[in-house]
Protein backbone atom coordinates (compact mmCIF):
# COMPACT_ATOMS: atom_id res chain seq x y z
CA MET A 1 20.10 -4.66 1.08
CA ALA A 2 18.74 -1.63 -0.82
CA HIS A 3 15.96 -2.32 -3.32
CA LEU A 4 14.27 -0.11 -5.89
CA ASP A 5 11.18 1.38 -4.23
CA HIS A 6 9.98 3.82 -6.87
CA ILE A 7 10.89 5.92 -9.90
CA GLY A 8 10.20 9.66 -9.61
CA ILE A 9 9.03 11.55 -12.70
CA GLY A 10 8.77 15.35 -12.82
CA ILE A 11 5.57 16.58 -14.51
CA ASP A 12 4.02 19.91 -15.51
CA ASP A 13 0.37 18.96 -16.09
CA ALA A 14 -0.79 16.26 -13.68
CA ALA A 15 -4.15 15.65 -15.37
CA ALA A 16 -2.54 15.22 -18.80
CA VAL A 17 0.16 12.86 -17.52
CA VAL A 18 -2.33 10.75 -15.55
CA GLU A 19 -4.48 10.44 -18.70
CA ARG A 20 -1.46 9.45 -20.78
CA PHE A 21 -0.39 6.70 -18.36
CA ARG A 22 -4.00 5.51 -18.22
CA ASP A 23 -3.90 5.07 -21.98
CA LEU A 24 -0.38 3.66 -21.96
CA LEU A 25 -0.50 1.21 -19.04
CA ASP A 26 -4.20 1.05 -18.12
CA VAL A 27 -3.40 2.27 -14.59
CA GLU A 28 -4.50 5.25 -12.54
CA PRO A 29 -3.01 6.74 -9.37
CA TYR A 30 -3.94 4.79 -6.27
CA LYS A 31 -3.15 7.73 -3.99
CA HIS A 32 -2.19 11.40 -4.05
CA GLU A 33 -0.17 13.08 -1.32
CA ALA A 34 1.23 16.57 -0.77
CA VAL A 35 4.60 16.95 0.98
CA SER A 36 4.76 20.50 2.27
CA GLY A 37 8.47 20.40 3.14
CA GLN A 38 9.33 19.55 -0.46
CA GLN A 39 6.58 21.73 -2.00
CA VAL A 40 5.41 18.83 -4.11
CA ARG A 41 2.25 16.83 -4.73
CA THR A 42 2.87 13.17 -5.48
CA HIS A 43 0.69 10.83 -7.54
CA PHE A 44 1.53 7.13 -7.13
CA LEU A 45 0.99 4.58 -9.91
CA ASN A 46 1.30 0.83 -9.52
CA ALA A 47 3.97 -0.48 -11.89
CA GLY A 48 4.13 -4.07 -10.70
CA ALA A 49 7.45 -4.72 -8.99
CA THR A 50 7.93 -1.02 -8.26
CA LYS A 51 5.95 2.26 -8.20
CA LEU A 52 5.93 5.39 -10.32
CA GLU A 53 5.85 8.65 -8.36
CA LEU A 54 4.61 11.57 -10.45
CA LEU A 55 5.95 14.82 -8.95
CA GLU A 56 3.89 17.98 -9.36
CA SER A 57 5.40 21.24 -8.15
CA LEU A 58 3.49 23.28 -5.55
CA GLY A 59 5.70 26.38 -5.68
CA GLU A 60 7.82 28.41 -8.07
CA ASP A 61 10.90 27.90 -5.90
CA SER A 62 10.37 24.21 -5.15
CA PRO A 63 13.11 21.69 -6.03
CA VAL A 64 10.81 19.99 -8.54
CA GLN A 65 9.97 23.29 -10.24
CA ARG A 66 13.68 24.12 -10.54
CA PHE A 67 14.17 20.70 -12.13
CA LEU A 68 11.32 21.31 -14.57
CA ASP A 69 12.60 24.78 -15.48
CA ARG A 70 16.06 23.42 -16.13
CA ARG A 71 15.36 20.06 -17.78
CA GLY A 72 11.65 19.79 -18.51
CA GLU A 73 9.41 16.83 -17.74
CA GLY A 74 11.02 13.43 -17.30
CA LEU A 75 12.99 11.18 -14.98
CA HIS A 76 13.61 13.02 -11.72
CA HIS A 77 15.08 10.35 -9.41
CA LEU A 78 15.49 6.69 -8.55
CA ALA A 79 14.55 5.79 -4.96
CA PHE A 80 16.03 2.84 -3.07
CA GLU A 81 14.54 1.67 0.22
CA VAL A 82 16.88 0.67 3.07
CA GLU A 83 16.23 -0.61 6.59
CA ASP A 84 18.52 1.89 8.34
CA LEU A 85 18.61 5.30 6.68
CA THR A 86 20.84 6.90 9.31
CA GLY A 87 23.36 4.08 8.96
CA THR A 88 23.18 4.33 5.17
CA MET A 89 23.89 8.07 5.35
CA SER A 90 26.98 7.43 7.49
CA ARG A 91 28.20 4.79 5.04
CA LEU A 92 27.70 7.14 2.10
CA ARG A 93 29.55 10.01 3.79
CA ASP A 94 32.43 7.69 4.65
CA ALA A 95 32.55 6.67 0.99
CA GLY A 96 32.84 10.32 -0.07
CA PHE A 97 29.31 10.97 -1.32
CA GLU A 98 27.76 14.41 -0.91
CA LEU A 99 24.23 14.32 0.55
CA LEU A 100 21.73 17.10 -0.12
CA SER A 101 20.65 17.29 3.54
CA GLU A 102 22.39 16.73 6.86
CA THR A 103 19.50 14.75 8.34
CA PRO A 104 16.67 12.59 6.94
CA GLN A 105 13.75 14.60 5.57
CA ALA A 106 10.03 13.80 5.59
CA GLY A 107 8.90 12.38 2.26
CA ALA A 108 5.75 10.90 0.78
CA ASP A 109 4.45 7.39 1.44
CA ASP A 110 5.42 7.43 5.16
CA LYS A 111 9.11 7.65 4.26
CA GLN A 112 12.16 9.44 5.62
CA ILE A 113 14.38 10.37 2.67
CA VAL A 114 17.77 11.74 1.65
CA PHE A 115 19.20 12.52 -1.79
CA VAL A 116 22.72 12.03 -3.13
CA HIS A 117 24.08 14.87 -5.26
CA PRO A 118 23.59 13.90 -8.94
CA LYS A 119 27.07 15.10 -9.91
CA GLN A 120 28.38 11.99 -8.09
CA THR A 121 25.91 9.58 -9.67
CA HIS A 122 26.48 10.41 -13.34
CA GLY A 123 23.62 12.89 -13.53
CA VAL A 124 20.94 10.64 -12.00
CA LEU A 125 19.42 11.94 -8.75
CA VAL A 126 19.38 9.03 -6.27
CA GLU A 127 17.13 8.93 -3.22
CA PHE A 128 17.48 6.60 -0.24
CA CYS A 129 14.39 6.10 1.89
CA GLU A 130 13.24 4.26 4.99
CA SER A 131 9.64 3.44 5.91
CA THR A 132 8.41 4.81 9.23
CA THR A 133 5.46 3.96 11.45
CA PRO A 134 2.57 5.66 9.66
CA ASP A 135 0.20 8.21 11.12
CA TRP A 136 -2.84 7.05 9.16
CA PRO A 137 -6.28 8.32 10.18
CA SER A 138 -8.67 5.69 11.50
CA ARG A 139 -12.42 5.24 11.31
CA ALA A 140 -14.30 4.23 14.45
CA VAL A 141 -16.63 1.27 13.82
CA PRO A 142 -19.11 0.74 16.72
CA ARG A 143 -18.37 -2.34 18.84
CA HIS A 144 -18.67 -3.37 22.54
CA GLY A 145 -20.22 -0.03 23.49
CA GLY A 146 -17.10 1.62 22.05
CA SER A 147 -15.49 1.13 18.66
CA LEU A 148 -12.94 -0.69 16.54
CA SER A 149 -10.18 1.28 14.81
CA VAL A 150 -10.12 0.65 11.06
CA PHE A 151 -7.50 2.05 8.67
CA GLU A 152 -8.56 2.44 5.03
CA ARG A 153 -5.98 2.53 2.24
CA GLY A 154 -6.14 2.28 -1.55
CA ARG A 155 -8.96 3.05 -3.96
CA ARG A 156 -12.52 1.96 -3.27
CA ASP A 157 -12.98 0.77 -6.85
CA ARG A 158 -10.41 -2.00 -6.26
CA PRO A 159 -11.18 -5.42 -4.70
CA SER A 160 -11.65 -5.07 -0.94
CA LEU A 161 -9.20 -6.79 1.39
CA LEU A 162 -9.37 -7.13 5.18
CA VAL A 163 -5.94 -7.33 6.88
CA LEU A 164 -5.87 -8.81 10.40
CA HIS A 165 -2.89 -8.56 12.77
CA GLY A 166 -1.58 -11.05 15.33
CA ALA A 167 -1.97 -11.26 19.12
CA ALA A 168 -0.95 -7.98 20.81
CA GLY A 169 -0.30 -6.44 17.39
CA THR A 170 -1.87 -3.41 15.72
CA THR A 171 -2.36 -2.25 12.17
CA LEU A 172 0.06 0.68 12.41
CA HIS A 173 2.84 -1.31 14.10
CA GLU A 174 2.49 -4.76 12.52
CA THR A 175 0.53 -5.01 9.29
CA ALA A 176 1.25 -1.51 7.88
CA PRO A 177 4.43 -2.57 6.00
CA LEU A 178 2.43 -5.25 4.20
CA ILE A 179 -0.53 -2.92 3.59
CA ARG A 180 1.78 -0.41 1.88
CA ARG A 181 2.69 -3.11 -0.64
CA LEU A 182 -0.94 -4.15 -1.18
CA GLU A 183 -2.65 -0.75 -1.40
CA PRO A 184 -1.71 -0.20 -5.08
CA SER A 185 -3.94 -3.14 -6.05
CA PHE A 186 -6.64 -3.27 -3.35
CA HIS A 187 -9.09 -1.33 -1.25
CA VAL A 188 -7.45 -2.29 2.05
CA LEU A 189 -9.08 -2.23 5.49
CA GLY A 190 -6.58 -2.77 8.31
CA VAL A 191 -8.57 -3.80 11.40
CA ASP A 192 -7.43 -3.41 15.00
CA LEU A 193 -9.19 -6.36 16.66
CA SER A 194 -11.05 -6.02 19.96
CA GLY A 195 -8.82 -4.65 22.73
CA HIS A 196 -5.89 -3.97 20.41
CA GLY A 197 -4.65 -0.44 19.79
CA ALA A 198 -7.52 1.90 20.57
CA SER A 199 -10.20 -0.72 19.79
CA ALA A 200 -12.65 -1.39 22.61
CA LEU A 201 -12.12 -4.35 24.92
CA PRO A 202 -15.33 -6.00 26.17
CA ASP A 203 -16.21 -5.21 29.79
CA ALA A 204 -15.87 -8.89 30.62
CA PRO A 205 -12.91 -9.52 28.30
CA ARG A 206 -13.43 -13.12 27.30
CA LEU A 207 -11.64 -13.13 23.96
CA SER A 208 -12.41 -15.84 21.41
CA LEU A 209 -12.18 -16.59 17.71
CA ASP A 210 -15.96 -16.04 17.58
CA LEU A 211 -15.52 -12.53 18.97
CA PHE A 212 -12.68 -11.64 16.60
CA ALA A 213 -14.57 -13.03 13.58
CA GLU A 214 -17.55 -10.86 14.53
CA ASP A 215 -15.16 -7.89 14.59
CA ALA A 216 -14.51 -8.58 10.91
CA VAL A 217 -18.24 -8.85 10.17
CA ALA A 218 -18.85 -5.50 11.91
CA VAL A 219 -16.22 -3.87 9.69
CA LEU A 220 -17.68 -5.35 6.50
CA GLU A 221 -21.13 -4.09 7.45
CA ALA A 222 -19.79 -0.62 8.34
CA TYR A 223 -18.29 -0.32 4.84
CA ASN A 224 -21.37 -1.84 3.14
CA LEU A 225 -19.37 -4.80 1.87
CA SER A 226 -21.15 -8.10 1.40
CA SER A 227 -17.77 -9.88 1.23
CA ALA A 228 -14.04 -9.30 0.87
CA HIS A 229 -10.74 -11.06 0.54
CA VAL A 230 -9.15 -11.67 3.95
CA VAL A 231 -5.51 -12.04 4.99
CA GLY A 232 -4.46 -12.67 8.58
CA PHE A 233 -1.15 -13.03 10.40
CA SER A 234 -0.91 -15.55 13.28
CA LEU A 235 -3.99 -14.82 15.45
CA GLY A 236 -5.39 -12.87 12.51
CA GLY A 237 -5.03 -16.00 10.40
CA GLY A 238 -6.97 -18.06 12.94
CA THR A 239 -9.62 -15.35 12.93
CA ALA A 240 -9.75 -15.42 9.13
CA LEU A 241 -10.22 -19.21 9.12
CA HIS A 242 -12.99 -18.97 11.71
CA LEU A 243 -14.67 -16.22 9.69
CA ALA A 244 -14.51 -18.37 6.54
CA HIS A 245 -16.18 -21.22 8.42
CA SER A 246 -18.82 -19.27 10.35
CA HIS A 247 -19.62 -16.75 7.58
CA PRO A 248 -18.53 -18.41 4.31
CA ALA A 249 -20.40 -15.93 2.11
CA ARG A 250 -18.36 -13.07 3.64
CA VAL A 251 -14.98 -14.39 2.43
CA ASP A 252 -13.99 -14.32 -1.23
CA ARG A 253 -10.41 -15.59 -1.06
CA LEU A 254 -8.34 -16.24 2.01
CA ALA A 255 -4.67 -16.08 3.02
CA VAL A 256 -3.14 -17.01 6.36
CA LEU A 257 0.42 -16.17 7.38
CA GLN A 258 2.39 -18.04 10.07
CA THR A 259 -0.86 -19.43 11.46
CA ASN A 260 -1.38 -22.47 13.67
CA ALA A 261 -4.74 -24.24 13.84
CA ASP A 262 -3.68 -27.24 15.94
CA TRP A 263 -2.36 -25.94 19.27
CA THR A 264 -0.45 -28.13 21.71
CA GLU A 265 0.09 -27.44 25.41
CA ALA A 266 3.79 -26.80 24.74
CA GLN A 267 2.91 -24.13 22.17
CA VAL A 268 0.43 -22.60 24.61
CA ARG A 269 3.18 -22.31 27.24
CA ARG A 270 5.54 -20.61 24.78
CA MET A 271 2.85 -18.17 23.69
CA HIS A 272 1.84 -17.56 27.30
CA ARG A 273 5.38 -16.40 28.06
CA ARG A 274 5.33 -14.01 25.08
CA LEU A 275 2.20 -12.40 26.56
CA ASP A 276 3.47 -12.07 30.14
CA LEU A 277 3.98 -8.31 30.40
CA LYS A 278 5.88 -8.41 33.70
CA ALA A 279 8.29 -11.12 32.55
CA LEU A 280 8.65 -9.35 29.21
CA HIS A 281 9.61 -6.15 31.01
CA ASP A 282 12.46 -8.04 32.74
CA ARG A 283 13.91 -9.68 29.62
CA ALA A 284 12.92 -7.21 26.87
CA PRO A 285 12.03 -3.85 28.43
CA THR A 286 11.83 -2.00 25.10
CA ARG A 287 9.31 -4.51 23.76
CA ALA A 288 7.27 -4.20 26.97
CA GLN A 289 7.37 -0.42 26.74
CA ASP A 290 6.20 -0.54 23.13
CA LEU A 291 3.24 -2.76 24.04
CA ARG A 292 2.20 -0.37 26.79
CA ALA A 293 2.37 2.56 24.36
CA ARG A 294 0.44 0.85 21.55
CA HIS A 295 -2.66 -0.30 23.44
CA ASP A 296 -5.19 1.66 25.49
CA GLN A 297 -5.40 -1.08 28.15
CA PRO A 298 -2.23 -3.19 27.75
CA GLU A 299 -2.39 -5.04 31.08
CA ARG A 300 -6.03 -6.06 30.61
CA LEU A 301 -5.44 -6.98 26.97
CA LEU A 302 -2.47 -9.25 27.64
CA GLN A 303 -4.19 -10.92 30.57
CA ALA A 304 -7.23 -11.55 28.36
CA LEU A 305 -4.98 -12.91 25.60
CA GLN A 306 -3.29 -15.29 28.04
CA THR A 307 -6.69 -16.68 28.99
CA PHE A 308 -7.61 -16.88 25.31
CA VAL A 309 -4.41 -18.79 24.48
CA GLU A 310 -5.07 -21.30 27.27
CA ALA A 311 -8.32 -22.23 25.54
CA LEU A 312 -6.74 -22.65 22.09
CA PRO A 313 -6.23 -26.45 22.19
CA GLU A 314 -9.97 -26.90 22.72
CA ALA A 315 -10.80 -24.21 20.15
CA SER A 316 -8.36 -25.85 17.70
CA ALA A 317 -10.19 -29.15 18.05
CA ARG A 318 -13.47 -27.48 17.03
CA LEU A 319 -11.86 -25.52 14.21
CA GLY A 320 -10.01 -28.62 13.01
CA LYS A 321 -13.32 -30.37 12.41
CA ALA A 322 -14.52 -27.37 10.45
CA LEU A 323 -11.49 -26.88 8.19
CA SER A 324 -12.65 -29.41 5.63
CA ASN A 325 -15.82 -27.34 5.13
CA ILE A 326 -13.95 -24.14 4.23
CA SER A 327 -14.35 -23.77 0.48
CA ALA A 328 -12.60 -20.42 -0.01
CA SER A 329 -9.43 -20.60 -2.08
CA THR A 330 -6.68 -20.26 0.55
CA LEU A 331 -2.99 -19.38 0.41
CA ILE A 332 -0.98 -20.62 3.40
CA ALA A 333 2.32 -18.79 3.85
CA ALA A 334 4.97 -19.91 6.32
CA LEU A 335 8.59 -19.16 7.17
CA ASP A 336 10.99 -22.08 7.03
CA GLN A 337 12.38 -21.39 10.52
CA ASP A 338 9.41 -19.96 12.41
CA PRO A 339 10.55 -20.31 16.06
CA LEU A 340 7.00 -20.47 17.42
CA PHE A 341 5.32 -23.07 15.20
CA GLY A 342 7.85 -24.64 12.82
CA LEU A 343 6.74 -26.18 9.53
CA ASP A 344 4.40 -28.78 11.02
CA ALA A 345 1.66 -26.17 11.54
CA PRO A 346 1.34 -24.92 7.94
CA GLN A 347 1.76 -28.41 6.51
CA SER A 348 -1.03 -29.73 8.76
CA LEU A 349 -3.25 -26.82 7.77
CA HIS A 350 -2.50 -27.42 4.09
CA ARG A 351 -3.59 -31.04 4.41
CA ALA A 352 -6.79 -30.09 6.22
CA LEU A 353 -8.07 -27.40 3.85
CA PRO A 354 -9.67 -28.71 0.65
CA ASN A 355 -8.79 -25.74 -1.57
CA ALA A 356 -5.38 -24.54 -0.37
CA ARG A 357 -1.87 -23.92 -1.62
CA LEU A 358 1.24 -23.73 0.55
CA THR A 359 4.24 -21.44 0.12
CA VAL A 360 7.33 -21.53 2.35
CA LEU A 361 9.54 -18.44 2.47
CA PRO A 362 12.93 -17.88 4.12
CA GLY A 363 12.75 -16.43 7.63
CA ASP A 364 13.48 -17.18 11.26
CA THR A 365 11.25 -14.89 13.32
CA HIS A 366 7.55 -14.85 14.19
CA SER A 367 7.14 -11.23 13.10
CA LEU A 368 5.24 -9.94 10.08
CA PRO A 369 7.25 -6.71 9.60
CA ARG A 370 10.46 -8.77 9.54
CA ALA A 371 9.13 -11.35 7.08
CA PRO A 372 10.30 -11.21 3.41
CA LEU A 373 7.48 -8.90 2.32
CA SER A 374 9.05 -8.30 -1.09
CA LEU A 375 8.40 -11.99 -1.79
CA LEU A 376 5.13 -12.30 0.11
CA ALA A 377 3.23 -9.31 -1.28
CA PRO A 378 3.39 -10.38 -4.97
CA LEU A 379 2.20 -13.87 -3.99
CA LEU A 380 -0.76 -12.41 -2.13
CA THR A 381 -1.60 -10.07 -5.01
CA GLN A 382 -1.50 -12.90 -7.51
CA HIS A 383 -3.59 -15.15 -5.24
CA PHE A 384 -6.32 -12.58 -4.64
CA LEU A 385 -6.52 -11.28 -8.21
CA GLU A 386 -6.22 -14.49 -10.23
CA HIS A 387 -9.34 -15.72 -11.98
């Protein structure tokens, strides 16, 4: 279903408009981005449930400049995000709408975009957009004789937030959709944990929650942060809990998503199968191919993760004893039909943590990008920013 992603506003004087919205709404742009193909510089403002995109022309013959010459400053377009832009374009053509381009075009905010001719939408220019895998630059933080890849988003004057992915995930391919929704309000650091993506894998790859928690500490120290909020998905949630126990002063507030802290042998076997690259190639070759493309050493990583998972029941026993000592305010988020853990895991975690709240959202897959992020992101923002 399409949802309103942002409202585009054509502007002549960026500095004057930014100052006016600062006075009007007490907000400033959280990022600026030039789109050469559209000859426009965008300035994004956080407007709560949606975003404002201020559009500054970069050329006399740009589409935005033609709009400004014809109509002056004001509402330029409404943008609706969809999951399948190509399919949406086919549907619109079949319904008789005229599109302003034959194929999707590169837009701001890691989007592919297309516009519908305003003569068919009662004078309002309508954009449809689809998020793509971002090409964000990373910073190398020294670790294991190599480095961790860290992706920084948002303004540094906002509260800092570490975002930790799940087993065999990466920032760009797993947590990026959530980070996009959080960057208007936070200084976000998306961390690729040891061995994931281009992050270094130890020479003797014995992965553990201790090792992953120390990854987080290394990132905090690299950015001169004494502490930060932390949100983790699945393995990232377990890492966040371990960090809150082993380094309590480093964690301000905590959120864990689809996280299990009480592993059974049956759960270990299910997870073991998800990390078997050869078996995955036989039953889901595209998924296996993606894993090989996303990690520098996929075979070694998945083998190390299998060994790590086998030790989780014992690690869970130690962590379980420590949960009652975690004082950080914690939000536990779960999906009502998580096929890997079910609802027992978040309910057990909620009972064990002394300062926790539980939210259950609709969903039936153990996948962060496919979770209801439009519901989850506002809950996280409220949790981390409330006083």
